[in-house]
């Protein structure tokens, strides 16, 4: 079994609390990185907006379009 397939099987056991805790952990990892490398926040805001859009495309597709 491949790595991605194995991880998908393990994640299927998550409930909403587990998912939100994982999202919170990812947010705190991002905050630690920003505290360690403060020059990251001097990047133009449009780079962050572009990355937000790129990262949102697939979840929105799966949520609204894919059946």
C-alpha atoms as a PDB file:
ATOM      1  CA  UNK A   1       0.000   0.000   0.000  1.00  0.00           C
ATOM      2  CA  UNK A   2       1.359   3.411  -0.926  1.00  0.00           C
ATOM      3  CA  UNK A   3       2.053   6.158   1.574  1.00  0.00           C
ATOM      4  CA  UNK A   4      -0.811   8.407   0.436  1.00  0.00           C
ATOM      5  CA  UNK A   5      -3.308   5.533   0.383  1.00  0.00           C
ATOM      6  CA  UNK A   6      -2.204   4.500   3.883  1.00  0.00           C
ATOM      7  CA  UNK A   7      -2.573   8.064   5.224  1.00  0.00           C
ATOM      8  CA  UNK A   8      -6.028   8.389   3.609  1.00  0.00           C
ATOM      9  CA  UNK A   9      -7.159   5.245   5.399  1.00  0.00           C
ATOM     10  CA  UNK A  10      -5.872   6.534   8.736  1.00  0.00           C
ATOM     11  CA  UNK A  11      -7.479   9.969   8.325  1.00  0.00           C
ATOM     12  CA  UNK A  12     -10.896   8.422   7.640  1.00  0.00           C
ATOM     13  CA  UNK A  13     -11.087   7.689  11.381  1.00  0.00           C
ATOM     14  CA  UNK A  14     -10.875  11.390  12.268  1.00  0.00           C
ATOM     15  CA  UNK A  15     -13.913  13.244  13.541  1.00  0.00           C
ATOM     16  CA  UNK A  16     -14.475  17.008  13.301  1.00  0.00           C
ATOM     17  CA  UNK A  17     -12.597  17.720  16.546  1.00  0.00           C
ATOM     18  CA  UNK A  18      -9.522  15.848  15.301  1.00  0.00           C
ATOM     19  CA  UNK A  19      -9.557  17.758  12.026  1.00  0.00           C
ATOM     20  CA  UNK A  20      -9.902  21.146  13.740  1.00  0.00           C
ATOM     21  CA  UNK A  21      -7.081  20.288  16.167  1.00  0.00           C
ATOM     22  CA  UNK A  22      -4.847  19.387  13.205  1.00  0.00           C
ATOM     23  CA  UNK A  23      -5.718  22.720  11.550  1.00  0.00           C
ATOM     24  CA  UNK A  24      -4.894  24.549  14.777  1.00  0.00           C
ATOM     25  CA  UNK A  25      -1.564  22.739  15.007  1.00  0.00           C
ATOM     26  CA  UNK A  26      -0.732  23.785  11.434  1.00  0.00           C
ATOM     27  CA  UNK A  27      -1.606  27.383  12.301  1.00  0.00           C
ATOM     28  CA  UNK A  28       0.706  27.317  15.317  1.00  0.00           C
ATOM     29  CA  UNK A  29       3.533  25.831  13.230  1.00  0.00           C
ATOM     30  CA  UNK A  30       3.098  28.779  10.848  1.00  0.00           C
ATOM     31  CA  UNK A  31       3.220  31.214  13.793  1.00  0.00           C
ATOM     32  CA  UNK A  32       6.431  29.643  15.099  1.00  0.00           C
ATOM     33  CA  UNK A  33       8.020  29.962  11.651  1.00  0.00           C
ATOM     34  CA  UNK A  34       7.002  33.626  11.447  1.00  0.00           C
ATOM     35  CA  UNK A  35       8.455  34.280  14.916  1.00  0.00           C
ATOM     36  CA  UNK A  36      11.722  32.586  13.942  1.00  0.00           C
ATOM     37  CA  UNK A  37      11.954  34.318  10.532  1.00  0.00           C
ATOM     38  CA  UNK A  38      10.184  37.701  10.872  1.00  0.00           C
ATOM     39  CA  UNK A  39      11.349  38.835   7.425  1.00  0.00           C
ATOM     40  CA  UNK A  40       8.675  36.533   5.977  1.00  0.00           C
ATOM     41  CA  UNK A  41       6.026  39.080   6.966  1.00  0.00           C
ATOM     42  CA  UNK A  42       7.713  41.787   4.908  1.00  0.00           C
ATOM     43  CA  UNK A  43       6.632  39.950   1.730  1.00  0.00           C
ATOM     44  CA  UNK A  44       4.000  41.737  -0.332  1.00  0.00           C
ATOM     45  CA  UNK A  45       0.461  40.776   0.735  1.00  0.00           C
ATOM     46  CA  UNK A  46      -0.465  39.721  -2.801  1.00  0.00           C
ATOM     47  CA  UNK A  47       1.896  36.717  -2.560  1.00  0.00           C
ATOM     48  CA  UNK A  48      -0.116  35.504   0.432  1.00  0.00           C
ATOM     49  CA  UNK A  49      -3.395  36.106  -1.410  1.00  0.00           C
ATOM     50  CA  UNK A  50      -2.091  34.170  -4.420  1.00  0.00           C
ATOM     51  CA  UNK A  51      -0.995  31.245  -2.256  1.00  0.00           C
ATOM     52  CA  UNK A  52      -4.369  31.296  -0.493  1.00  0.00           C
ATOM     53  CA  UNK A  53      -6.171  31.008  -3.826  1.00  0.00           C
ATOM     54  CA  UNK A  54      -3.875  28.221  -5.060  1.00  0.00           C
ATOM     55  CA  UNK A  55      -4.354  26.240  -1.831  1.00  0.00           C
ATOM     56  CA  UNK A  56      -8.136  26.740  -1.911  1.00  0.00           C
ATOM     57  CA  UNK A  57      -8.807  25.578  -5.477  1.00  0.00           C
ATOM     58  CA  UNK A  58      -8.883  21.796  -4.899  1.00  0.00           C
ATOM     59  CA  UNK A  59     -10.871  21.790  -1.622  1.00  0.00           C
ATOM     60  CA  UNK A  60     -13.497  24.083  -3.149  1.00  0.00           C
ATOM     61  CA  UNK A  61     -13.655  21.899  -6.255  1.00  0.00           C
ATOM     62  CA  UNK A  62     -14.180  18.774  -4.155  1.00  0.00           C
ATOM     63  CA  UNK A  63     -16.709  20.517  -1.901  1.00  0.00           C
ATOM     64  CA  UNK A  64     -18.910  22.167  -4.541  1.00  0.00           C
ATOM     65  CA  UNK A  65     -18.334  20.568  -7.966  1.00  0.00           C
ATOM     66  CA  UNK A  66     -17.182  16.962  -7.611  1.00  0.00           C
ATOM     67  CA  UNK A  67     -19.985  14.494  -6.826  1.00  0.00           C
END
